[in-house]
N, C-alpha and C. Protein backbone atom coordinates (compact mmCIF):
# COMPACT_ATOMS: atom_id res chain seq x y z
N MET A 1 1.08 -1.04 -0.08
CA MET A 1 -0.02 -0.18 0.32
C MET A 1 1.09 1.30 0.01
N THR A 2 0.48 1.84 -0.82
CA THR A 2 1.45 3.14 -1.15
C THR A 2 1.04 4.31 0.24
N GLN A 3 2.13 4.92 0.72
CA GLN A 3 1.78 5.80 1.81
C GLN A 3 2.21 7.58 1.85
N ALA A 4 1.49 8.31 2.24
CA ALA A 4 1.26 9.48 1.64
C ALA A 4 2.87 9.99 2.31
N SER A 5 3.22 10.81 1.91
CA SER A 5 4.43 12.04 1.99
C SER A 5 4.01 12.52 3.33
N PRO A 6 5.21 12.65 4.52
CA PRO A 6 4.74 13.31 5.52
C PRO A 6 4.16 15.04 5.09
N SER A 7 4.84 15.59 3.94
CA SER A 7 4.10 16.57 3.99
C SER A 7 2.83 17.06 3.60
N VAL A 8 2.47 15.86 2.57
CA VAL A 8 1.27 15.65 2.45
C VAL A 8 0.04 15.34 4.00
N ALA A 9 0.52 14.12 4.35
CA ALA A 9 -0.10 14.18 5.94
C ALA A 9 0.02 15.31 6.71
N ALA A 10 0.90 16.06 6.63
CA ALA A 10 0.90 17.31 7.60
C ALA A 10 -0.17 17.96 7.23
N ARG A 11 -0.34 18.01 5.66
CA ARG A 11 -1.52 19.09 5.39
C ARG A 11 -3.15 18.32 5.56
N ASN A 12 -2.93 17.42 6.09
CA ASN A 12 -4.66 16.59 5.71
C ASN A 12 -4.70 16.64 7.43
N ILE A 13 -3.79 17.32 8.43
CA ILE A 13 -3.97 16.87 9.46
C ILE A 13 -4.79 18.33 10.29
N GLY A 14 -5.79 18.30 10.54
CA GLY A 14 -6.41 19.58 10.94
C GLY A 14 -6.19 19.77 12.78
N ARG A 15 -6.99 20.67 13.08
CA ARG A 15 -6.80 20.91 14.61
C ARG A 15 -7.45 19.65 15.38
N GLY A 16 -6.97 19.43 16.23
CA GLY A 16 -7.12 18.01 17.40
C GLY A 16 -6.58 16.99 16.38
N GLY A 17 -5.77 16.91 15.45
CA GLY A 17 -5.24 15.44 14.88
C GLY A 17 -6.46 15.05 13.79
N GLN A 18 -7.30 16.02 13.66
CA GLN A 18 -8.22 15.44 12.76
C GLN A 18 -8.18 15.71 11.26
N ASP A 19 -8.66 15.57 10.23
CA ASP A 19 -8.52 15.51 8.88
C ASP A 19 -9.41 16.19 8.52
N PRO A 20 -8.88 17.51 8.33
CA PRO A 20 -9.87 18.73 7.72
C PRO A 20 -10.84 18.45 6.74
N SER A 21 -10.57 17.71 5.63
CA SER A 21 -11.31 17.60 4.63
C SER A 21 -12.67 16.42 5.22
N ARG A 22 -12.47 16.13 6.13
CA ARG A 22 -13.73 15.03 6.39
C ARG A 22 -14.86 16.14 7.56
N HIS A 23 -16.04 15.75 6.77
CA HIS A 23 -16.96 16.68 7.25
C HIS A 23 -18.26 16.63 6.76
N PRO A 24 -19.27 15.92 7.64
CA PRO A 24 -21.02 15.22 7.00
C PRO A 24 -21.30 16.02 6.50
N GLY A 25 -22.41 15.73 5.36
CA GLY A 25 -23.19 16.50 5.16
C GLY A 25 -23.20 16.90 3.62
N LEU A 26 -21.78 17.35 3.02
CA LEU A 26 -22.00 17.87 2.05
C LEU A 26 -21.28 16.88 0.53
N ASN A 27 -22.29 16.34 -0.17
CA ASN A 27 -21.71 15.38 -0.89
C ASN A 27 -20.56 14.39 -0.34
N LEU A 28 -21.08 13.61 0.43
CA LEU A 28 -20.39 12.47 1.20
C LEU A 28 -19.82 11.25 0.26
N HIS A 29 -18.65 11.22 0.20
CA HIS A 29 -18.01 10.14 -0.33
C HIS A 29 -18.25 8.86 0.55
N PRO A 30 -17.92 7.42 -0.16
CA PRO A 30 -17.59 6.26 1.05
C PRO A 30 -16.61 6.27 2.36
N HIS A 31 -15.69 7.34 1.48
CA HIS A 31 -14.79 7.47 3.01
C HIS A 31 -14.62 8.21 3.72
N ASP A 32 -15.77 8.97 3.52
CA ASP A 32 -16.51 9.83 4.72
C ASP A 32 -17.56 9.35 5.99
N ARG A 33 -17.55 7.60 5.84
CA ARG A 33 -18.19 7.19 6.89
C ARG A 33 -17.99 7.35 7.84
N GLU A 34 -16.88 7.57 8.50
CA GLU A 34 -16.63 8.03 9.90
C GLU A 34 -17.31 8.91 10.49
N ALA A 35 -16.92 10.04 9.45
CA ALA A 35 -17.40 11.37 9.63
C ALA A 35 -19.16 11.72 9.78
N HIS A 36 -19.60 10.81 9.10
CA HIS A 36 -21.06 10.64 8.85
C HIS A 36 -21.85 9.90 10.17
N GLU A 37 -20.86 8.61 10.68
CA GLU A 37 -21.78 8.34 11.80
C GLU A 37 -21.44 8.90 13.07
N GLU A 38 -20.50 10.31 13.20
CA GLU A 38 -19.76 10.62 14.02
C GLU A 38 -21.11 11.54 14.34
N ALA A 39 -21.22 12.20 13.22
CA ALA A 39 -22.68 13.73 13.26
C ALA A 39 -24.20 13.13 13.17
N GLU A 40 -24.28 11.69 12.76
CA GLU A 40 -25.30 11.50 12.21
C GLU A 40 -26.34 11.90 13.20
N GLU A 41 -26.16 11.38 14.86
CA GLU A 41 -27.20 11.40 15.39
C GLU A 41 -27.57 13.51 15.63
N LEU A 42 -26.22 14.54 15.75
CA LEU A 42 -26.68 15.96 15.98
C LEU A 42 -27.55 15.96 14.86
N VAL A 43 -27.18 15.38 13.31
CA VAL A 43 -27.91 15.70 12.54
C VAL A 43 -28.95 15.52 12.45
N PHE A 44 -29.62 14.01 12.47
CA PHE A 44 -30.92 13.62 13.06
C PHE A 44 -31.74 14.25 13.68
N GLY A 45 -31.28 14.81 14.77
CA GLY A 45 -31.83 15.50 15.86
C GLY A 45 -32.29 16.93 15.52
N PHE A 46 -31.43 17.39 14.29
CA PHE A 46 -31.65 18.73 13.84
C PHE A 46 -33.10 18.54 12.93
N TRP A 47 -32.89 17.82 12.07
CA TRP A 47 -34.00 17.32 10.93
C TRP A 47 -35.53 17.02 11.71
N VAL A 48 -35.63 16.57 12.88
CA VAL A 48 -36.48 16.16 14.04
C VAL A 48 -36.97 17.67 13.99
N PHE A 49 -35.95 18.66 14.71
CA PHE A 49 -36.85 20.45 15.23
C PHE A 49 -36.80 20.64 14.13
N LEU A 50 -36.12 20.58 13.03
CA LEU A 50 -36.83 20.88 11.42
C LEU A 50 -38.53 20.58 11.32
N MET A 51 -38.48 19.67 11.42
CA MET A 51 -40.41 18.94 11.21
C MET A 51 -41.17 19.78 11.71
N SER A 52 -40.54 20.07 13.13
CA SER A 52 -41.48 20.11 14.61
C SER A 52 -42.14 21.67 13.67
N ASP A 53 -40.80 22.63 13.08
CA ASP A 53 -40.89 24.08 12.85
C ASP A 53 -42.13 23.96 11.87
N LEU A 54 -41.53 22.83 10.68
CA LEU A 54 -43.02 22.56 9.61
C LEU A 54 -44.07 22.87 10.35
N ILE A 55 -44.37 21.64 11.03
CA ILE A 55 -45.48 21.72 11.75
C ILE A 55 -46.35 22.97 12.41
N ILE A 56 -45.50 23.82 12.68
CA ILE A 56 -45.88 25.47 13.35
C ILE A 56 -46.31 26.14 12.12
N PHE A 57 -45.02 26.05 11.00
CA PHE A 57 -45.50 26.55 10.09
C PHE A 57 -46.63 26.66 9.67
N SER A 58 -47.08 25.04 8.95
CA SER A 58 -48.41 24.40 8.68
C SER A 58 -49.08 24.95 9.05
N MET A 59 -49.57 25.25 10.40
CA MET A 59 -50.56 25.41 12.00
C MET A 59 -51.03 26.93 11.13
N LEU A 60 -49.70 27.97 11.08
CA LEU A 60 -49.96 29.22 10.80
C LEU A 60 -50.28 29.34 9.31
N PHE A 61 -50.26 28.71 8.49
CA PHE A 61 -51.07 28.31 7.02
C PHE A 61 -52.25 28.14 7.65
N ALA A 62 -52.55 27.36 7.93
CA ALA A 62 -53.83 27.05 7.71
C ALA A 62 -55.01 27.82 8.26
N THR A 63 -54.61 28.51 9.93
CA THR A 63 -55.15 29.49 9.99
C THR A 63 -55.26 30.81 9.12
N TYR A 64 -54.09 31.31 8.80
CA TYR A 64 -54.53 32.10 7.61
C TYR A 64 -55.50 31.90 6.15
N GLY A 65 -55.25 30.88 5.97
CA GLY A 65 -56.27 30.36 4.86
C GLY A 65 -57.85 30.38 5.74
N THR A 66 -57.78 30.05 6.81
CA THR A 66 -59.39 29.90 7.45
C THR A 66 -59.72 31.16 7.26
N MET A 67 -59.04 32.26 7.57
CA MET A 67 -59.30 33.72 7.80
C MET A 67 -59.20 34.56 6.70
N LEU A 68 -58.91 34.32 5.64
CA LEU A 68 -58.97 34.97 4.15
C LEU A 68 -60.06 36.25 4.25
N ASP A 69 -61.17 35.46 4.61
CA ASP A 69 -62.57 36.54 4.56
C ASP A 69 -62.56 37.19 5.49
N ALA A 70 -62.17 36.99 7.10
CA ALA A 70 -62.43 37.50 7.94
C ALA A 70 -61.71 39.24 8.22
N LEU A 71 -62.03 40.13 6.94
CA LEU A 71 -61.26 41.25 7.32
C LEU A 71 -62.15 42.51 8.26
N ALA A 72 -63.51 41.75 8.69
CA ALA A 72 -64.16 42.72 9.63
C ALA A 72 -64.18 44.03 9.33
N GLY A 73 -64.48 44.11 7.67
CA GLY A 73 -65.04 45.80 7.56
C GLY A 73 -63.61 46.64 7.12
N GLY A 74 -62.20 45.63 7.70
CA GLY A 74 -60.71 46.39 7.54
C GLY A 74 -60.11 46.67 6.06
N PRO A 75 -59.11 46.94 5.83
CA PRO A 75 -58.38 47.11 4.44
C PRO A 75 -58.01 45.28 4.57
N GLY A 76 -58.36 45.24 3.10
CA GLY A 76 -57.28 43.67 2.61
C GLY A 76 -55.64 43.57 1.97
N PRO A 77 -55.67 43.10 1.34
CA PRO A 77 -54.40 42.94 0.42
C PRO A 77 -54.21 43.75 0.13
N HIS A 78 -55.05 44.26 -0.93
CA HIS A 78 -54.66 45.16 -2.27
C HIS A 78 -55.07 46.33 -1.67
N GLN A 79 -54.98 46.77 -0.24
CA GLN A 79 -54.97 48.28 0.00
C GLN A 79 -53.94 48.09 0.89
N LEU A 80 -53.23 47.13 0.90
CA LEU A 80 -51.99 46.97 2.56
C LEU A 80 -50.66 46.52 1.68
N PHE A 81 -50.82 45.55 0.59
CA PHE A 81 -49.65 44.88 0.02
C PHE A 81 -49.23 45.73 -1.12
N GLU A 82 -47.54 45.56 -1.20
CA GLU A 82 -47.10 46.09 -2.34
C GLU A 82 -46.16 45.07 -3.29
N LEU A 83 -46.67 44.63 -3.84
CA LEU A 83 -45.92 42.97 -4.50
C LEU A 83 -44.38 43.53 -5.15
N SER A 84 -44.05 44.57 -5.56
CA SER A 84 -42.87 44.60 -5.95
C SER A 84 -41.71 44.72 -4.46
N SER A 85 -42.32 45.58 -2.94
CA SER A 85 -41.68 45.14 -2.16
C SER A 85 -41.67 43.76 -1.87
N ALA A 86 -42.68 43.13 -2.12
CA ALA A 86 -42.50 41.72 -1.61
C ALA A 86 -41.58 40.82 -2.64
N ALA A 87 -41.14 41.04 -3.97
CA ALA A 87 -40.32 40.52 -4.51
C ALA A 87 -39.26 40.51 -4.52
N ILE A 88 -38.77 41.80 -4.09
CA ILE A 88 -37.43 42.16 -3.55
C ILE A 88 -36.99 41.12 -2.37
N GLU A 89 -37.67 40.92 -1.46
CA GLU A 89 -37.41 40.35 -0.15
C GLU A 89 -37.24 39.07 -0.47
N THR A 90 -38.31 38.58 -1.66
CA THR A 90 -37.97 37.07 -2.12
C THR A 90 -36.65 36.99 -2.93
N ALA A 91 -36.37 37.72 -3.56
CA ALA A 91 -34.89 38.32 -4.41
C ALA A 91 -33.88 37.71 -3.38
N VAL A 92 -33.92 38.53 -2.41
CA VAL A 92 -32.68 38.69 -1.88
C VAL A 92 -32.43 37.58 -0.89
N LEU A 93 -33.81 36.93 -0.48
CA LEU A 93 -33.19 35.94 0.50
C LEU A 93 -33.00 34.85 -0.52
N LEU A 94 -33.70 34.47 -1.52
CA LEU A 94 -33.06 33.41 -2.65
C LEU A 94 -31.85 33.41 -2.75
N VAL A 95 -30.95 34.88 -3.35
CA VAL A 95 -29.82 34.87 -3.06
C VAL A 95 -28.82 34.81 -1.80
N SER A 96 -29.56 35.21 -0.64
CA SER A 96 -28.71 34.69 0.32
C SER A 96 -28.66 32.96 0.31
N SER A 97 -29.37 32.41 -0.19
CA SER A 97 -29.76 31.07 0.15
C SER A 97 -28.14 30.32 -0.71
N PHE A 98 -28.20 31.20 -2.32
CA PHE A 98 -26.54 30.67 -2.83
C PHE A 98 -25.84 31.28 -2.29
N THR A 99 -25.82 32.64 -1.74
CA THR A 99 -24.54 32.84 -1.24
C THR A 99 -23.98 32.18 -0.09
N PHE A 100 -25.17 31.32 0.80
CA PHE A 100 -24.79 30.38 1.93
C PHE A 100 -24.03 28.84 1.24
N GLY A 101 -24.52 28.65 -0.08
CA GLY A 101 -23.86 27.61 -0.68
C GLY A 101 -22.71 27.71 -1.29
N MET A 102 -22.40 29.20 -1.47
CA MET A 102 -20.97 29.20 -2.07
C MET A 102 -20.10 29.01 -0.67
N ALA A 103 -20.62 29.81 0.63
CA ALA A 103 -19.74 29.19 1.92
C ALA A 103 -19.47 27.68 2.28
N SER A 104 -20.60 27.04 1.71
CA SER A 104 -20.55 25.32 2.15
C SER A 104 -19.51 24.90 1.25
N LEU A 105 -19.56 25.40 -0.18
CA LEU A 105 -18.44 24.92 -0.86
C LEU A 105 -17.08 25.30 -0.59
N ALA A 106 -17.19 26.78 -0.39
CA ALA A 106 -15.52 26.89 0.19
C ALA A 106 -15.59 26.21 1.22
N MET A 107 -16.02 25.85 2.42
CA MET A 107 -15.47 25.09 3.42
C MET A 107 -15.33 23.65 3.17
N LYS A 108 -15.80 22.90 2.21
CA LYS A 108 -15.63 21.46 1.59
C LYS A 108 -14.81 21.43 0.73
N TYR A 109 -14.21 22.07 -0.39
CA TYR A 109 -13.55 21.94 -1.65
C TYR A 109 -11.96 22.87 -1.20
N ARG A 110 -12.40 24.57 -0.44
CA ARG A 110 -11.13 25.15 -0.53
C ARG A 110 -10.73 25.35 1.02
N GLN A 111 -11.26 24.39 1.69
CA GLN A 111 -10.68 24.69 3.32
C GLN A 111 -10.32 25.72 3.50
N SER A 112 -10.93 26.92 3.11
CA SER A 112 -10.67 28.38 3.32
C SER A 112 -11.66 29.01 4.76
N VAL A 113 -10.85 29.39 5.31
CA VAL A 113 -11.73 30.09 6.42
C VAL A 113 -11.90 31.72 6.39
N GLY A 114 -11.10 32.06 5.24
CA GLY A 114 -11.33 33.54 4.72
C GLY A 114 -12.36 33.48 3.93
N GLN A 115 -12.42 32.39 2.99
CA GLN A 115 -13.53 32.48 1.75
C GLN A 115 -15.07 32.00 2.60
N THR A 116 -14.89 31.15 3.59
CA THR A 116 -16.24 30.45 4.06
C THR A 116 -16.62 32.27 4.42
N SER A 117 -15.73 32.30 5.63
CA SER A 117 -16.11 33.76 6.46
C SER A 117 -16.71 34.78 5.65
N PHE A 118 -16.10 35.14 4.08
CA PHE A 118 -16.71 36.18 3.45
C PHE A 118 -18.32 35.80 2.89
N TRP A 119 -18.46 34.67 2.74
CA TRP A 119 -19.68 34.08 2.11
C TRP A 119 -20.67 34.17 3.21
N LEU A 120 -20.47 33.78 4.28
CA LEU A 120 -21.18 34.11 5.55
C LEU A 120 -21.81 35.28 5.87
N ALA A 121 -20.53 36.11 5.43
CA ALA A 121 -20.53 37.85 5.89
C ALA A 121 -21.35 38.13 4.85
N VAL A 122 -21.38 38.03 3.49
CA VAL A 122 -22.50 38.18 2.61
C VAL A 122 -23.98 37.85 2.88
N THR A 123 -24.24 37.07 3.28
CA THR A 123 -25.20 35.83 3.74
C THR A 123 -25.77 36.91 4.90
N LEU A 124 -25.33 37.31 6.25
CA LEU A 124 -25.82 38.01 6.83
C LEU A 124 -25.98 39.35 6.70
N VAL A 125 -25.62 40.30 5.69
CA VAL A 125 -25.82 41.44 5.00
C VAL A 125 -27.42 40.99 4.41
N LEU A 126 -27.58 39.84 3.59
CA LEU A 126 -28.79 39.83 2.85
C LEU A 126 -29.76 39.20 4.05
N GLY A 127 -29.53 38.58 5.06
CA GLY A 127 -30.70 38.65 5.70
C GLY A 127 -30.60 39.74 6.50
N LEU A 128 -29.95 40.72 6.86
CA LEU A 128 -30.49 41.94 7.79
C LEU A 128 -31.34 42.95 6.75
N ILE A 129 -30.85 42.72 5.53
CA ILE A 129 -31.43 43.59 4.23
C ILE A 129 -32.83 43.53 3.92
N PHE A 130 -33.15 41.75 4.22
CA PHE A 130 -34.59 41.78 4.23
C PHE A 130 -35.09 41.67 5.38
N LEU A 131 -34.88 41.35 6.77
CA LEU A 131 -35.07 41.89 7.83
C LEU A 131 -35.66 43.61 7.52
N GLY A 132 -35.28 44.45 7.27
CA GLY A 132 -35.17 45.47 7.05
C GLY A 132 -36.17 46.27 6.08
N LEU A 133 -36.45 45.38 4.96
CA LEU A 133 -37.59 45.33 4.14
C LEU A 133 -39.15 45.29 4.84
N GLU A 134 -38.36 43.84 5.45
CA GLU A 134 -40.20 43.19 5.99
C GLU A 134 -40.64 44.25 7.22
N LEU A 135 -39.52 44.99 7.57
CA LEU A 135 -39.92 46.11 8.81
C LEU A 135 -40.85 47.32 8.40
N HIS A 136 -40.03 47.34 7.39
CA HIS A 136 -40.49 48.87 6.35
C HIS A 136 -41.97 48.48 5.91
N ASP A 137 -42.29 47.44 5.34
CA ASP A 137 -43.51 47.03 5.00
C ASP A 137 -44.46 46.68 6.18
N PHE A 138 -44.00 46.32 7.45
CA PHE A 138 -44.92 46.34 8.35
C PHE A 138 -45.23 47.63 8.72
N ALA A 139 -44.17 48.45 8.86
CA ALA A 139 -44.72 49.89 9.34
C ALA A 139 -45.46 50.53 8.34
N ASP A 140 -45.39 50.26 7.05
CA ASP A 140 -46.60 50.71 5.88
C ASP A 140 -47.60 50.03 5.98
N MET A 141 -48.09 49.16 6.54
CA MET A 141 -49.21 48.49 6.61
C MET A 141 -49.97 49.12 7.87
N ILE A 142 -49.44 49.30 9.03
CA ILE A 142 -50.07 49.77 10.15
C ILE A 142 -50.21 51.07 10.27
N ALA A 143 -49.47 52.36 9.07
CA ALA A 143 -49.64 53.59 9.02
C ALA A 143 -51.21 53.32 8.11
N LYS A 144 -51.29 52.40 7.06
CA LYS A 144 -52.52 52.39 6.48
C LYS A 144 -53.79 51.80 7.38
N GLY A 145 -53.15 51.33 8.06
CA GLY A 145 -54.53 51.34 9.42
C GLY A 145 -54.71 49.64 9.31
N GLY A 146 -53.50 48.99 9.07
CA GLY A 146 -53.62 47.68 9.18
C GLY A 146 -52.65 47.03 10.07
N THR A 147 -53.31 47.25 11.44
CA THR A 147 -52.76 46.77 12.89
C THR A 147 -53.01 45.07 12.91
N PRO A 148 -52.36 44.31 13.68
CA PRO A 148 -52.88 43.05 13.68
C PRO A 148 -53.96 42.55 14.55
N SER A 149 -54.38 43.74 15.51
CA SER A 149 -55.80 43.98 16.15
C SER A 149 -56.83 44.57 15.42
N ARG A 150 -56.90 44.59 13.94
CA ARG A 150 -57.90 45.39 13.03
C ARG A 150 -58.66 44.06 12.55
N SER A 151 -58.07 43.02 12.38
CA SER A 151 -59.06 41.57 11.82
C SER A 151 -58.49 40.40 12.13
N GLY A 152 -59.26 39.50 12.21
CA GLY A 152 -58.45 38.22 12.17
C GLY A 152 -57.64 37.56 11.21
N TRP A 153 -58.24 38.44 9.65
CA TRP A 153 -56.90 38.16 8.80
C TRP A 153 -55.66 39.00 8.83
N LEU A 154 -55.88 40.00 9.77
CA LEU A 154 -54.53 40.80 9.95
C LEU A 154 -53.70 40.00 10.91
N SER A 155 -54.28 39.40 12.07
CA SER A 155 -53.90 39.02 12.78
C SER A 155 -53.08 37.75 12.29
N ALA A 156 -53.80 37.06 11.76
CA ALA A 156 -53.12 35.89 10.87
C ALA A 156 -51.69 36.18 10.07
N CYS A 157 -52.12 37.39 9.48
CA CYS A 157 -51.05 38.14 8.64
C CYS A 157 -49.76 37.96 9.33
N PHE A 158 -49.99 38.55 10.33
CA PHE A 158 -48.79 39.07 10.90
C PHE A 158 -48.08 37.96 11.86
N ALA A 159 -48.75 37.09 12.27
CA ALA A 159 -48.56 36.20 12.98
C ALA A 159 -47.36 34.82 11.82
N LEU A 160 -47.98 35.12 10.79
CA LEU A 160 -47.11 34.15 9.82
C LEU A 160 -45.92 34.54 9.38
N ILE A 161 -46.05 35.83 8.73
CA ILE A 161 -45.11 36.64 8.45
C ILE A 161 -43.72 36.75 9.49
N GLY A 162 -44.45 37.28 10.54
CA GLY A 162 -43.66 37.57 11.83
C GLY A 162 -42.82 36.59 12.22
N THR A 163 -43.25 35.38 12.55
CA THR A 163 -42.86 34.12 12.81
C THR A 163 -41.82 33.98 12.21
N HIS A 164 -41.97 33.96 10.85
CA HIS A 164 -41.01 33.61 9.52
C HIS A 164 -39.43 34.80 10.30
N GLY A 165 -40.16 35.91 10.07
CA GLY A 165 -39.12 37.01 10.55
C GLY A 165 -38.12 36.65 11.51
N LEU A 166 -39.03 36.40 12.67
CA LEU A 166 -38.30 35.91 13.94
C LEU A 166 -37.45 34.66 13.88
N HIS A 167 -37.51 34.01 12.85
CA HIS A 167 -36.60 32.72 12.38
C HIS A 167 -35.21 33.39 11.90
N VAL A 168 -35.98 34.47 10.49
CA VAL A 168 -34.49 34.84 10.27
C VAL A 168 -33.60 35.88 11.22
N THR A 169 -34.35 36.36 11.85
CA THR A 169 -33.68 36.83 12.98
C THR A 169 -32.83 35.90 13.38
N THR A 170 -33.14 34.91 14.01
CA THR A 170 -32.45 33.78 14.91
C THR A 170 -31.16 33.64 13.82
N GLY A 171 -31.55 32.98 12.60
CA GLY A 171 -30.54 32.85 12.24
C GLY A 171 -29.25 33.39 11.26
N CYS A 172 -29.71 34.96 11.40
CA CYS A 172 -28.85 36.05 11.37
C CYS A 172 -27.83 36.21 12.49
N LEU A 173 -28.67 35.76 13.72
CA LEU A 173 -27.35 35.78 14.91
C LEU A 173 -26.78 34.66 14.93
N TRP A 174 -27.35 33.40 14.51
CA TRP A 174 -26.21 32.29 14.51
C TRP A 174 -25.31 32.51 13.35
N ILE A 175 -25.20 32.78 11.99
CA ILE A 175 -24.84 32.97 11.15
C ILE A 175 -23.48 34.06 11.88
N ALA A 176 -23.68 35.35 12.95
CA ALA A 176 -22.63 36.19 13.62
C ALA A 176 -21.79 35.08 14.75
N VAL A 177 -22.68 34.36 15.54
CA VAL A 177 -21.83 33.57 16.10
C VAL A 177 -20.63 32.51 15.21
N MET A 178 -20.95 32.09 14.09
CA MET A 178 -20.26 31.18 13.68
C MET A 178 -19.30 31.93 12.92
N LEU A 179 -19.58 32.86 12.62
CA LEU A 179 -17.99 34.00 12.03
C LEU A 179 -16.91 34.11 13.23
N VAL A 180 -17.33 34.05 14.50
CA VAL A 180 -16.85 34.43 15.71
C VAL A 180 -16.32 33.06 15.69
N GLN A 181 -16.84 31.78 15.86
CA GLN A 181 -15.77 30.63 16.10
C GLN A 181 -15.00 29.95 14.74
N LEU A 182 -15.18 30.73 13.11
CA LEU A 182 -14.78 30.69 12.33
C LEU A 182 -13.60 31.01 12.78
N LYS A 183 -13.22 32.33 13.31
CA LYS A 183 -12.01 33.22 13.46
C LYS A 183 -11.64 32.65 14.52
N VAL A 184 -12.03 32.03 15.91
CA VAL A 184 -10.99 31.07 17.20
C VAL A 184 -10.97 29.94 16.26
N PHE A 185 -11.90 29.28 16.23
CA PHE A 185 -11.68 27.60 16.08
C PHE A 185 -11.11 27.00 14.72
N GLY A 186 -11.18 27.94 13.66
CA GLY A 186 -10.90 27.75 12.64
C GLY A 186 -12.13 26.74 11.66
N LEU A 187 -11.62 25.37 11.04
CA LEU A 187 -12.18 24.52 10.19
C LEU A 187 -12.49 23.43 10.52
N ASP A 188 -12.33 23.02 12.54
CA ASP A 188 -12.31 22.06 12.55
C ASP A 188 -14.06 21.05 12.53
N THR A 189 -13.92 20.16 13.13
CA THR A 189 -15.07 19.37 12.96
C THR A 189 -16.46 19.76 13.35
N GLY A 190 -16.30 20.37 14.74
CA GLY A 190 -17.43 20.81 15.29
C GLY A 190 -18.46 22.34 14.72
N VAL A 191 -17.35 22.94 14.25
CA VAL A 191 -17.90 24.32 13.19
C VAL A 191 -18.14 23.72 12.25
N LYS A 192 -18.15 22.73 11.18
CA LYS A 192 -18.38 22.33 10.27
C LYS A 192 -19.98 22.17 10.35
N THR A 193 -19.85 21.19 11.34
CA THR A 193 -21.23 20.77 11.79
C THR A 193 -22.11 21.66 12.02
N ARG A 194 -21.76 22.92 12.88
CA ARG A 194 -22.48 23.61 13.08
C ARG A 194 -23.16 24.49 11.72
N LEU A 195 -22.07 24.54 10.87
CA LEU A 195 -22.57 25.26 9.87
C LEU A 195 -23.46 24.44 8.85
N LEU A 196 -23.46 23.08 8.95
CA LEU A 196 -24.21 22.38 7.87
C LEU A 196 -25.80 22.25 8.81
N ARG A 197 -25.63 22.47 9.94
CA ARG A 197 -26.92 22.35 10.33
C ARG A 197 -27.84 23.75 10.44
N LEU A 198 -26.78 24.97 10.37
CA LEU A 198 -27.22 26.30 10.19
C LEU A 198 -27.62 26.50 8.47
N GLY A 199 -26.73 25.71 7.80
CA GLY A 199 -27.15 25.50 6.41
C GLY A 199 -28.82 25.03 6.14
N LEU A 200 -28.78 23.84 6.73
CA LEU A 200 -30.29 23.53 6.90
C LEU A 200 -31.19 24.22 7.10
N PHE A 201 -30.73 24.75 7.92
CA PHE A 201 -31.99 25.86 8.75
C PHE A 201 -32.36 27.28 8.02
N TRP A 202 -31.01 27.45 7.13
CA TRP A 202 -31.46 29.17 6.25
C TRP A 202 -32.27 28.52 5.27
N HIS A 203 -31.75 27.68 4.70
CA HIS A 203 -32.81 26.85 3.43
C HIS A 203 -33.96 26.72 3.57
N PHE A 204 -34.24 26.26 4.64
CA PHE A 204 -35.78 26.00 5.20
C PHE A 204 -36.42 27.04 5.12
N LEU A 205 -35.80 28.09 5.77
CA LEU A 205 -36.52 29.58 6.00
C LEU A 205 -36.86 29.51 4.58
N ASP A 206 -36.06 29.60 3.64
CA ASP A 206 -35.80 29.90 2.49
C ASP A 206 -37.37 29.61 1.71
N ILE A 207 -37.57 28.32 1.77
CA ILE A 207 -38.56 27.33 1.44
C ILE A 207 -39.79 28.03 1.67
N VAL A 208 -40.05 28.24 3.25
CA VAL A 208 -41.13 28.89 3.61
C VAL A 208 -41.28 30.07 3.37
N TRP A 209 -40.63 30.91 2.98
CA TRP A 209 -40.88 31.99 2.44
C TRP A 209 -41.38 31.83 1.30
N VAL A 210 -40.81 31.32 0.42
CA VAL A 210 -41.60 31.03 -1.35
C VAL A 210 -43.09 30.63 -1.08
N GLY A 211 -43.41 29.53 0.35
CA GLY A 211 -44.85 29.52 0.79
C GLY A 211 -45.42 30.81 0.65
N ILE A 212 -44.77 31.65 1.55
CA ILE A 212 -45.51 32.57 2.11
C ILE A 212 -45.95 33.72 0.97
N PHE A 213 -44.65 33.89 -0.02
CA PHE A 213 -44.81 34.72 -1.35
C PHE A 213 -45.91 34.32 -2.03
N SER A 214 -45.82 33.12 -1.93
CA SER A 214 -46.99 32.47 -2.92
C SER A 214 -48.59 32.45 -2.57
N VAL A 215 -48.42 32.17 -0.95
CA VAL A 215 -50.12 32.32 -0.58
C VAL A 215 -50.87 33.85 -0.27
N VAL A 216 -49.81 33.98 0.23
CA VAL A 216 -49.77 35.94 1.04
C VAL A 216 -50.16 36.33 -0.05
N TYR A 217 -48.90 37.02 -0.96
CA TYR A 217 -48.88 37.65 -1.54
C TYR A 217 -49.79 37.53 -2.87
N LEU A 218 -49.21 36.65 -3.55
CA LEU A 218 -49.57 36.39 -4.91
C LEU A 218 -51.21 36.01 -4.76
N LEU A 219 -51.63 34.98 -4.24
CA LEU A 219 -52.77 34.75 -4.16
C LEU A 219 -53.88 35.64 -3.59
N GLY A 220 -53.22 36.83 -2.53
CA GLY A 220 -54.05 37.77 -1.85
C GLY A 220 -53.76 39.13 -3.22
N LEU A 221 -53.48 38.98 -3.75
CA LEU A 221 -53.22 40.11 -4.96
C LEU A 221 -53.67 39.59 -6.24
N ALA A 222 -54.27 38.18 -6.49
CA ALA A 222 -54.93 37.92 -7.58
C ALA A 222 -56.25 38.62 -7.53
N PRO A 223 -56.21 39.07 -8.99
CA PRO A 223 -57.56 39.52 -9.48
C PRO A 223 -58.76 38.86 -8.96
């Protein structure tokens, strides 16, 4: 069997004597089996959390659907929504999903803390822009008389969109924490596994927002 040279072996050893090229989740190959098994329990637990979160959003969507006609004489979608603003928010969040994917690729193939941190920072900025646009929309709706207590439909609308916004805020805080951990610990196994779970969370929020954009804005503003 051919053995790797000392220089190659040295490059392949990361913090704590671990191979930095091995981490779970991103295009795993057969030789990554050990890394996959080490993180399997953590990743499975996070999938369970995401499924429970999906149930929460499903209930919010169902509540919104039952409240479509509960306007109580108040303003409706055509008076409160701006499709252009919602479309910009959608584009910003979808681009942030792409930039997070670039961070994942930099982590796996480049093994570069700098590139991974750069793409995560871009994702964070896009997430903050999304939140700023969403807060602007809420303020505009309230200025037009569309407060959450005005009608059942508005209560359901604010609950659905607001819960998603709280999740995005959590995601932004998580990205900020990971940027600090990347600077302190580098791309060790623990950091990579946390970034994997953060990626699942962030892409999940993108999928939920596509549902919100389709159901709340597109259907709400349909003729």
